[in-house]
Amino acid sequence: MVKVRAHLVIKGRVQGVFFRLETREQAAALGLTGWVRNKPDGTVEIVAEGYRKDIEKLIAWCRLGPPMAEVTGAAVNWEHYTGEFAKFAIS
């Protein structure tokens, strides 16, 4: 299987609800690498690399988020795999 990269922006009540921490846990469990960070506009940005089926599982989780989150949108852009990450981190 070929590895891919996805760049996501998650909108809604996604900051201050452990979204980054739980995203890192989900990504690590799926064997993905990349990062997650809060943006000044209140969104959460994610870059994930790995097998497409695993990234799709992460995207499905992000559309719901952790229990206290209220996700109103999830924009996904598929990109070319770079292999630049050793793990999945909170930035």
PDB file of N, CA and C in Angstrom:
ATOM      1  N   MET A   1       0.831  -1.187   0.000  1.00  0.00           N
ATOM      2  CA  MET A   1       0.000   0.000   0.000  1.00  0.00           C
ATOM      3  C   MET A   1       0.874   1.249   0.000  1.00  0.00           C
ATOM      4  N   VAL A   2       0.353   2.289  -0.583  1.00  0.00           N
ATOM      5  CA  VAL A   2       1.059   3.552  -0.684  1.00  0.00           C
ATOM      6  C   VAL A   2       0.640   4.469   0.463  1.00  0.00           C
ATOM      7  N   LYS A   3       1.619   5.149   1.035  1.00  0.00           N
ATOM      8  CA  LYS A   3       1.317   6.103   2.102  1.00  0.00           C
ATOM      9  C   LYS A   3       0.953   7.451   1.493  1.00  0.00           C
ATOM     10  N   VAL A   4       0.115   8.204   2.228  1.00  0.00           N
ATOM     11  CA  VAL A   4      -0.347   9.514   1.791  1.00  0.00           C
ATOM     12  C   VAL A   4      -0.264  10.490   2.955  1.00  0.00           C
ATOM     13  N   ARG A   5      -0.605  11.723   2.656  1.00  0.00           N
ATOM     14  CA  ARG A   5      -0.605  12.789   3.654  1.00  0.00           C
ATOM     15  C   ARG A   5      -1.931  13.530   3.545  1.00  0.00           C
ATOM     16  N   ALA A   6      -2.485  13.905   4.686  1.00  0.00           N
ATOM     17  CA  ALA A   6      -3.705  14.706   4.711  1.00  0.00           C
ATOM     18  C   ALA A   6      -3.480  15.927   5.582  1.00  0.00           C
ATOM     19  N   HIS A   7      -4.006  17.057   5.115  1.00  0.00           N
ATOM     20  CA  HIS A   7      -3.953  18.317   5.851  1.00  0.00           C
ATOM     21  C   HIS A   7      -5.398  18.662   6.193  1.00  0.00           C
ATOM     22  N   LEU A   8      -5.696  18.759   7.485  1.00  0.00           N
ATOM     23  CA  LEU A   8      -7.064  18.990   7.933  1.00  0.00           C
ATOM     24  C   LEU A   8      -7.171  20.288   8.716  1.00  0.00           C
ATOM     25  N   VAL A   9      -8.329  20.929   8.615  1.00  0.00           N
ATOM     26  CA  VAL A   9      -8.679  22.049   9.476  1.00  0.00           C
ATOM     27  C   VAL A   9     -10.058  21.732  10.047  1.00  0.00           C
ATOM     28  N   ILE A  10     -10.126  21.676  11.371  1.00  0.00           N
ATOM     29  CA  ILE A  10     -11.347  21.303  12.073  1.00  0.00           C
ATOM     30  C   ILE A  10     -11.949  22.557  12.699  1.00  0.00           C
ATOM     31  N   LYS A  11     -13.238  22.786  12.424  1.00  0.00           N
ATOM     32  CA  LYS A  11     -13.925  23.981  12.933  1.00  0.00           C
ATOM     33  C   LYS A  11     -14.960  23.596  13.972  1.00  0.00           C
ATOM     34  N   GLY A  12     -15.312  24.568  14.802  1.00  0.00           N
ATOM     35  CA  GLY A  12     -16.324  24.383  15.833  1.00  0.00           C
ATOM     36  C   GLY A  12     -15.743  24.674  17.198  1.00  0.00           C
ATOM     37  N   ARG A  13     -16.350  24.082  18.233  1.00  0.00           N
ATOM     38  CA  ARG A  13     -15.798  24.226  19.584  1.00  0.00           C
ATOM     39  C   ARG A  13     -14.780  23.105  19.745  1.00  0.00           C
ATOM     40  N   VAL A  14     -13.549  23.400  19.318  1.00  0.00           N
ATOM     41  CA  VAL A  14     -12.513  22.369  19.258  1.00  0.00           C
ATOM     42  C   VAL A  14     -11.249  22.739  20.041  1.00  0.00           C
ATOM     43  N   GLN A  15     -11.256  23.895  20.660  1.00  0.00           N
ATOM     44  CA  GLN A  15     -10.128  24.268  21.515  1.00  0.00           C
ATOM     45  C   GLN A  15     -10.596  24.267  22.964  1.00  0.00           C
ATOM     46  N   GLY A  16      -9.723  23.818  23.856  1.00  0.00           N
ATOM     47  CA  GLY A  16     -10.062  23.763  25.270  1.00  0.00           C
ATOM     48  C   GLY A  16     -10.909  22.554  25.637  1.00  0.00           C
ATOM     49  N   VAL A  17     -10.963  21.560  24.740  1.00  0.00           N
ATOM     50  CA  VAL A  17     -11.766  20.354  24.981  1.00  0.00           C
ATOM     51  C   VAL A  17     -10.932  19.085  24.790  1.00  0.00           C
ATOM     52  N   PHE A  18      -9.611  19.205  24.894  1.00  0.00           N
ATOM     53  CA  PHE A  18      -8.676  18.084  24.756  1.00  0.00           C
ATOM     54  C   PHE A  18      -8.623  17.506  23.340  1.00  0.00           C
ATOM     55  N   PHE A  19      -8.983  18.322  22.341  1.00  0.00           N
ATOM     56  CA  PHE A  19      -8.983  17.846  20.957  1.00  0.00           C
ATOM     57  C   PHE A  19      -7.575  17.440  20.519  1.00  0.00           C
ATOM     58  N   ARG A  20      -6.587  18.280  20.809  1.00  0.00           N
ATOM     59  CA  ARG A  20      -5.216  17.965  20.377  1.00  0.00           C
ATOM     60  C   ARG A  20      -4.696  16.698  21.041  1.00  0.00           C
ATOM     61  N   LEU A  21      -4.883  16.585  22.340  1.00  0.00           N
ATOM     62  CA  LEU A  21      -4.399  15.419  23.076  1.00  0.00           C
ATOM     63  C   LEU A  21      -5.044  14.138  22.547  1.00  0.00           C
ATOM     64  N   GLU A  22      -6.349  14.168  22.385  1.00  0.00           N
ATOM     65  CA  GLU A  22      -7.035  12.959  21.928  1.00  0.00           C
ATOM     66  C   GLU A  22      -6.751  12.662  20.453  1.00  0.00           C
ATOM     67  N   THR A  23      -6.506  13.704  19.658  1.00  0.00           N
ATOM     68  CA  THR A  23      -6.110  13.479  18.263  1.00  0.00           C
ATOM     69  C   THR A  23      -4.768  12.767  18.221  1.00  0.00           C
ATOM     70  N   ARG A  24      -3.834  13.214  19.058  1.00  0.00           N
ATOM     71  CA  ARG A  24      -2.522  12.563  19.109  1.00  0.00           C
ATOM     72  C   ARG A  24      -2.662  11.096  19.507  1.00  0.00           C
ATOM     73  N   GLU A  25      -3.505  10.811  20.485  1.00  0.00           N
ATOM     74  CA  GLU A  25      -3.712   9.432  20.921  1.00  0.00           C
ATOM     75  C   GLU A  25      -4.323   8.581  19.812  1.00  0.00           C
ATOM     76  N   GLN A  26      -5.324   9.113  19.123  1.00  0.00           N
ATOM     77  CA  GLN A  26      -5.962   8.399  18.018  1.00  0.00           C
ATOM     78  C   GLN A  26      -4.953   8.127  16.907  1.00  0.00           C
ATOM     79  N   ALA A  27      -4.194   9.164  16.534  1.00  0.00           N
ATOM     80  CA  ALA A  27      -3.217   9.033  15.450  1.00  0.00           C
ATOM     81  C   ALA A  27      -2.139   8.014  15.797  1.00  0.00           C
ATOM     82  N   ALA A  28      -1.645   8.070  17.023  1.00  0.00           N
ATOM     83  CA  ALA A  28      -0.606   7.126  17.449  1.00  0.00           C
ATOM     84  C   ALA A  28      -1.141   5.695  17.414  1.00  0.00           C
ATOM     85  N   ALA A  29      -2.372   5.504  17.855  1.00  0.00           N
ATOM     86  CA  ALA A  29      -2.969   4.164  17.848  1.00  0.00           C
ATOM     87  C   ALA A  29      -3.122   3.628  16.427  1.00  0.00           C
ATOM     88  N   LEU A  30      -3.290   4.533  15.463  1.00  0.00           N
ATOM     89  CA  LEU A  30      -3.426   4.146  14.057  1.00  0.00           C
ATOM     90  C   LEU A  30      -2.085   4.037  13.340  1.00  0.00           C
ATOM     91  N   GLY A  31      -0.999   4.358  14.039  1.00  0.00           N
ATOM     92  CA  GLY A  31       0.336   4.280  13.433  1.00  0.00           C
ATOM     93  C   GLY A  31       0.648   5.441  12.510  1.00  0.00           C
ATOM     94  N   LEU A  32      -0.015   6.584  12.726  1.00  0.00           N
ATOM     95  CA  LEU A  32       0.202   7.754  11.876  1.00  0.00           C
ATOM     96  C   LEU A  32       1.288   8.649  12.456  1.00  0.00           C
ATOM     97  N   THR A  33       1.887   9.453  11.601  1.00  0.00           N
ATOM     98  CA  THR A  33       2.850  10.459  12.033  1.00  0.00           C
ATOM     99  C   THR A  33       2.333  11.821  11.587  1.00  0.00           C
ATOM    100  N   GLY A  34       2.887  12.887  12.189  1.00  0.00           N
ATOM    101  CA  GLY A  34       2.479  14.245  11.825  1.00  0.00           C
ATOM    102  C   GLY A  34       2.347  15.117  13.053  1.00  0.00           C
ATOM    103  N   TRP A  35       1.388  16.040  13.012  1.00  0.00           N
ATOM    104  CA  TRP A  35       1.200  16.957  14.145  1.00  0.00           C
ATOM    105  C   TRP A  35      -0.221  17.508  14.170  1.00  0.00           C
ATOM    106  N   VAL A  36      -0.558  18.082  15.326  1.00  0.00           N
ATOM    107  CA  VAL A  36      -1.835  18.768  15.526  1.00  0.00           C
ATOM    108  C   VAL A  36      -1.537  20.040  16.310  1.00  0.00           C
ATOM    109  N   ARG A  37      -2.246  21.125  15.976  1.00  0.00           N
ATOM    110  CA  ARG A  37      -2.039  22.382  16.699  1.00  0.00           C
ATOM    111  C   ARG A  37      -3.291  23.235  16.667  1.00  0.00           C
ATOM    112  N   ASN A  38      -3.415  24.102  17.674  1.00  0.00           N
ATOM    113  CA  ASN A  38      -4.471  25.104  17.699  1.00  0.00           C
ATOM    114  C   ASN A  38      -4.051  26.269  16.828  1.00  0.00           C
ATOM    115  N   LYS A  39      -5.023  26.859  16.132  1.00  0.00           N
ATOM    116  CA  LYS A  39      -4.756  28.054  15.332  1.00  0.00           C
ATOM    117  C   LYS A  39      -5.409  29.255  16.008  1.00  0.00           C
ATOM    118  N   PRO A  40      -4.885  30.459  15.779  1.00  0.00           N
ATOM    119  CA  PRO A  40      -5.432  31.660  16.423  1.00  0.00           C
ATOM    120  C   PRO A  40      -6.913  31.911  16.106  1.00  0.00           C
ATOM    121  N   ASP A  41      -7.403  31.386  14.991  1.00  0.00           N
ATOM    122  CA  ASP A  41      -8.802  31.622  14.614  1.00  0.00           C
ATOM    123  C   ASP A  41      -9.778  30.670  15.304  1.00  0.00           C
ATOM    124  N   GLY A  42      -9.285  29.827  16.226  1.00  0.00           N
ATOM    125  CA  GLY A  42     -10.148  28.919  16.969  1.00  0.00           C
ATOM    126  C   GLY A  42     -10.293  27.536  16.352  1.00  0.00           C
ATOM    127  N   THR A  43      -9.651  27.303  15.225  1.00  0.00           N
ATOM    128  CA  THR A  43      -9.703  25.990  14.588  1.00  0.00           C
ATOM    129  C   THR A  43      -8.537  25.128  15.067  1.00  0.00           C
ATOM    130  N   VAL A  44      -8.586  23.857  14.703  1.00  0.00           N
ATOM    131  CA  VAL A  44      -7.477  22.938  14.966  1.00  0.00           C
ATOM    132  C   VAL A  44      -6.964  22.466  13.612  1.00  0.00           C
ATOM    133  N   GLU A  45      -5.653  22.525  13.438  1.00  0.00           N
ATOM    134  CA  GLU A  45      -5.008  22.116  12.189  1.00  0.00           C
ATOM    135  C   GLU A  45      -4.249  20.818  12.427  1.00  0.00           C
ATOM    136  N   ILE A  46      -4.346  19.909  11.462  1.00  0.00           N
ATOM    137  CA  ILE A  46      -3.712  18.596  11.578  1.00  0.00           C
ATOM    138  C   ILE A  46      -3.016  18.251  10.272  1.00  0.00           C
ATOM    139  N   VAL A  47      -1.820  17.716  10.375  1.00  0.00           N
ATOM    140  CA  VAL A  47      -1.149  17.100   9.232  1.00  0.00           C
ATOM    141  C   VAL A  47      -0.853  15.667   9.654  1.00  0.00           C
ATOM    142  N   ALA A  48      -1.350  14.715   8.877  1.00  0.00           N
ATOM    143  CA  ALA A  48      -1.160  13.304   9.205  1.00  0.00           C
ATOM    144  C   ALA A  48      -0.625  12.554   8.003  1.00  0.00           C
ATOM    145  N   GLU A  49       0.321  11.659   8.256  1.00  0.00           N
ATOM    146  CA  GLU A  49       0.871  10.807   7.204  1.00  0.00           C
ATOM    147  C   GLU A  49       0.746   9.343   7.599  1.00  0.00           C
ATOM    148  N   GLY A  50       0.478   8.522   6.615  1.00  0.00           N
ATOM    149  CA  GLY A  50       0.353   7.091   6.831  1.00  0.00           C
ATOM    150  C   GLY A  50      -0.472   6.477   5.722  1.00  0.00           C
ATOM    151  N   TYR A  51      -0.989   5.292   5.974  1.00  0.00           N
ATOM    152  CA  TYR A  51      -1.830   4.628   4.980  1.00  0.00           C
ATOM    153  C   TYR A  51      -3.199   5.302   4.922  1.00  0.00           C
ATOM    154  N   ARG A  52      -3.724   5.452   3.717  1.00  0.00           N
ATOM    155  CA  ARG A  52      -4.977   6.184   3.514  1.00  0.00           C
ATOM    156  C   ARG A  52      -6.111   5.637   4.391  1.00  0.00           C
ATOM    157  N   LYS A  53      -6.224   4.330   4.501  1.00  0.00           N
ATOM    158  CA  LYS A  53      -7.316   3.750   5.296  1.00  0.00           C
ATOM    159  C   LYS A  53      -7.213   4.186   6.756  1.00  0.00           C
ATOM    160  N   ASP A  54      -6.008   4.325   7.268  1.00  0.00           N
ATOM    161  CA  ASP A  54      -5.817   4.758   8.649  1.00  0.00           C
ATOM    162  C   ASP A  54      -6.091   6.249   8.801  1.00  0.00           C
ATOM    163  N   ILE A  55      -5.677   7.041   7.829  1.00  0.00           N
ATOM    164  CA  ILE A  55      -5.974   8.475   7.873  1.00  0.00           C
ATOM    165  C   ILE A  55      -7.471   8.699   7.769  1.00  0.00           C
ATOM    166  N   GLU A  56      -8.159   7.915   6.959  1.00  0.00           N
ATOM    167  CA  GLU A  56      -9.615   8.040   6.858  1.00  0.00           C
ATOM    168  C   GLU A  56     -10.286   7.734   8.191  1.00  0.00           C
ATOM    169  N   LYS A  57      -9.734   6.810   8.967  1.00  0.00           N
ATOM    170  CA  LYS A  57     -10.263   6.525  10.305  1.00  0.00           C
ATOM    171  C   LYS A  57     -10.056   7.732  11.214  1.00  0.00           C
ATOM    172  N   LEU A  58      -8.885   8.373  11.110  1.00  0.00           N
ATOM    173  CA  LEU A  58      -8.628   9.572  11.906  1.00  0.00           C
ATOM    174  C   LEU A  58      -9.584  10.689  11.505  1.00  0.00           C
ATOM    175  N   ILE A  59      -9.806  10.866  10.227  1.00  0.00           N
ATOM    176  CA  ILE A  59     -10.734  11.906   9.753  1.00  0.00           C
ATOM    177  C   ILE A  59     -12.138  11.647  10.300  1.00  0.00           C
ATOM    178  N   ALA A  60     -12.586  10.410  10.249  1.00  0.00           N
ATOM    179  CA  ALA A  60     -13.917  10.066  10.784  1.00  0.00           C
ATOM    180  C   ALA A  60     -13.998  10.424  12.267  1.00  0.00           C
ATOM    181  N   TRP A  61     -12.931  10.140  13.021  1.00  0.00           N
ATOM    182  CA  TRP A  61     -12.913  10.486  14.435  1.00  0.00           C
ATOM    183  C   TRP A  61     -12.937  12.011  14.606  1.00  0.00           C
ATOM    184  N   CYS A  62     -12.177  12.733  13.791  1.00  0.00           N
ATOM    185  CA  CYS A  62     -12.109  14.190  13.901  1.00  0.00           C
ATOM    186  C   CYS A  62     -13.460  14.852  13.624  1.00  0.00           C
ATOM    187  N   ARG A  63     -14.281  14.248  12.797  1.00  0.00           N
ATOM    188  CA  ARG A  63     -15.600  14.808  12.502  1.00  0.00           C
ATOM    189  C   ARG A  63     -16.512  14.754  13.731  1.00  0.00           C
ATOM    190  N   LEU A  64     -16.166  13.917  14.708  1.00  0.00           N
ATOM    191  CA  LEU A  64     -16.902  13.834  15.969  1.00  0.00           C
ATOM    192  C   LEU A  64     -16.129  14.507  17.096  1.00  0.00           C
ATOM    193  N   GLY A  65     -14.848  14.199  17.190  1.00  0.00           N
ATOM    194  CA  GLY A  65     -13.985  14.759  18.217  1.00  0.00           C
ATOM    195  C   GLY A  65     -14.235  14.146  19.580  1.00  0.00           C
ATOM    196  N   PRO A  66     -13.545  14.663  20.593  1.00  0.00           N
ATOM    197  CA  PRO A  66     -13.736  14.168  21.952  1.00  0.00           C
ATOM    198  C   PRO A  66     -15.117  14.585  22.481  1.00  0.00           C
ATOM    199  N   PRO A  67     -15.546  14.007  23.607  1.00  0.00           N
ATOM    200  CA  PRO A  67     -16.905  14.241  24.102  1.00  0.00           C
ATOM    201  C   PRO A  67     -17.329  15.704  24.259  1.00  0.00           C
ATOM    202  N   MET A  68     -16.435  16.582  24.679  1.00  0.00           N
ATOM    203  CA  MET A  68     -16.826  17.979  24.915  1.00  0.00           C
ATOM    204  C   MET A  68     -16.758  18.855  23.660  1.00  0.00           C
ATOM    205  N   ALA A  69     -16.255  18.326  22.574  1.00  0.00           N
ATOM    206  CA  ALA A  69     -16.126  19.102  21.336  1.00  0.00           C
ATOM    207  C   ALA A  69     -17.464  19.171  20.591  1.00  0.00           C
ATOM    208  N   GLU A  70     -17.596  20.224  19.792  1.00  0.00           N
ATOM    209  CA  GLU A  70     -18.733  20.369  18.882  1.00  0.00           C
ATOM    210  C   GLU A  70     -18.154  20.722  17.516  1.00  0.00           C
ATOM    211  N   VAL A  71     -17.913  19.717  16.699  1.00  0.00           N
ATOM    212  CA  VAL A  71     -17.310  19.912  15.384  1.00  0.00           C
ATOM    213  C   VAL A  71     -18.383  20.364  14.403  1.00  0.00           C
ATOM    214  N   THR A  72     -18.116  21.488  13.724  1.00  0.00           N
ATOM    215  CA  THR A  72     -19.065  22.001  12.730  1.00  0.00           C
ATOM    216  C   THR A  72     -18.536  21.849  11.310  1.00  0.00           C
ATOM    217  N   GLY A  73     -17.274  21.495  11.163  1.00  0.00           N
ATOM    218  CA  GLY A  73     -16.709  21.312   9.831  1.00  0.00           C
ATOM    219  C   GLY A  73     -15.323  20.708   9.896  1.00  0.00           C
ATOM    220  N   ALA A  74     -15.003  19.963   8.840  1.00  0.00           N
ATOM    221  CA  ALA A  74     -13.675  19.352   8.741  1.00  0.00           C
ATOM    222  C   ALA A  74     -13.248  19.404   7.280  1.00  0.00           C
ATOM    223  N   ALA A  75     -12.335  20.316   6.969  1.00  0.00           N
ATOM    224  CA  ALA A  75     -11.809  20.428   5.603  1.00  0.00           C
ATOM    225  C   ALA A  75     -10.584  19.526   5.474  1.00  0.00           C
ATOM    226  N   VAL A  76     -10.550  18.748   4.407  1.00  0.00           N
ATOM    227  CA  VAL A  76      -9.450  17.802   4.193  1.00  0.00           C
ATOM    228  C   VAL A  76      -8.832  18.044   2.825  1.00  0.00           C
ATOM    229  N   ASN A  77      -7.523  18.170   2.791  1.00  0.00           N
ATOM    230  CA  ASN A  77      -6.773  18.244   1.539  1.00  0.00           C
ATOM    231  C   ASN A  77      -5.773  17.093   1.528  1.00  0.00           C
ATOM    232  N   TRP A  78      -5.837  16.275   0.482  1.00  0.00           N
ATOM    233  CA  TRP A  78      -4.904  15.166   0.333  1.00  0.00           C
ATOM    234  C   TRP A  78      -3.644  15.667  -0.357  1.00  0.00           C
ATOM    235  N   GLU A  79      -2.493  15.256   0.157  1.00  0.00           N
ATOM    236  CA  GLU A  79      -1.207  15.707  -0.365  1.00  0.00           C
ATOM    237  C   GLU A  79      -0.282  14.503  -0.559  1.00  0.00           C
ATOM    238  N   HIS A  80       0.891  14.760  -1.100  1.00  0.00           N
ATOM    239  CA  HIS A  80       1.879  13.702  -1.296  1.00  0.00           C
ATOM    240  C   HIS A  80       2.598  13.409   0.012  1.00  0.00           C
ATOM    241  N   TYR A  81       2.827  12.137   0.261  1.00  0.00           N
ATOM    242  CA  TYR A  81       3.560  11.675   1.438  1.00  0.00           C
ATOM    243  C   TYR A  81       4.998  12.183   1.375  1.00  0.00           C
ATOM    244  N   THR A  82       5.516  12.675   2.511  1.00  0.00           N
ATOM    245  CA  THR A  82       6.900  13.159   2.552  1.00  0.00           C
ATOM    246  C   THR A  82       7.789  12.299   3.473  1.00  0.00           C
ATOM    247  N   GLY A  83       7.200  11.660   4.467  1.00  0.00           N
ATOM    248  CA  GLY A  83       7.983  10.868   5.409  1.00  0.00           C
ATOM    249  C   GLY A  83       8.841  11.686   6.360  1.00  0.00           C
ATOM    250  N   GLU A  84       8.504  12.958   6.526  1.00  0.00           N
ATOM    251  CA  GLU A  84       9.345  13.840   7.321  1.00  0.00           C
ATOM    252  C   GLU A  84       9.152  13.718   8.839  1.00  0.00           C
ATOM    253  N   PHE A  85       8.129  12.995   9.279  1.00  0.00           N
ATOM    254  CA  PHE A  85       7.830  12.921  10.715  1.00  0.00           C
ATOM    255  C   PHE A  85       8.239  11.569  11.291  1.00  0.00           C
ATOM    256  N   ALA A  86       8.731  11.597  12.543  1.00  0.00           N
ATOM    257  CA  ALA A  86       9.099  10.359  13.237  1.00  0.00           C
ATOM    258  C   ALA A  86       7.950   9.856  14.122  1.00  0.00           C
ATOM    259  N   LYS A  87       7.071  10.780  14.527  1.00  0.00           N
ATOM    260  CA  LYS A  87       5.951  10.444  15.410  1.00  0.00           C
ATOM    261  C   LYS A  87       4.818  11.440  15.175  1.00  0.00           C
ATOM    262  N   PHE A  88       3.769  11.320  15.962  1.00  0.00           N
ATOM    263  CA  PHE A  88       2.666  12.285  15.885  1.00  0.00           C
ATOM    264  C   PHE A  88       2.750  13.161  17.128  1.00  0.00           C
ATOM    265  N   ALA A  89       2.862  14.464  16.937  1.00  0.00           N
ATOM    266  CA  ALA A  89       3.127  15.372  18.041  1.00  0.00           C
ATOM    267  C   ALA A  89       2.083  16.483  18.133  1.00  0.00           C
ATOM    268  N   ILE A  90       2.003  17.063  19.308  1.00  0.00           N
ATOM    269  CA  ILE A  90       1.221  18.279  19.510  1.00  0.00           C
ATOM    270  C   ILE A  90       2.169  19.450  19.322  1.00  0.00           C
ATOM    271  N   SER A  91       1.834  20.360  18.418  1.00  0.00           N
ATOM    272  CA  SER A  91       2.706  21.515  18.157  1.00  0.00           C
ATOM    273  C   SER A  91       2.221  22.736  18.919  1.00  0.00           C
TER     274      SER A  91
END
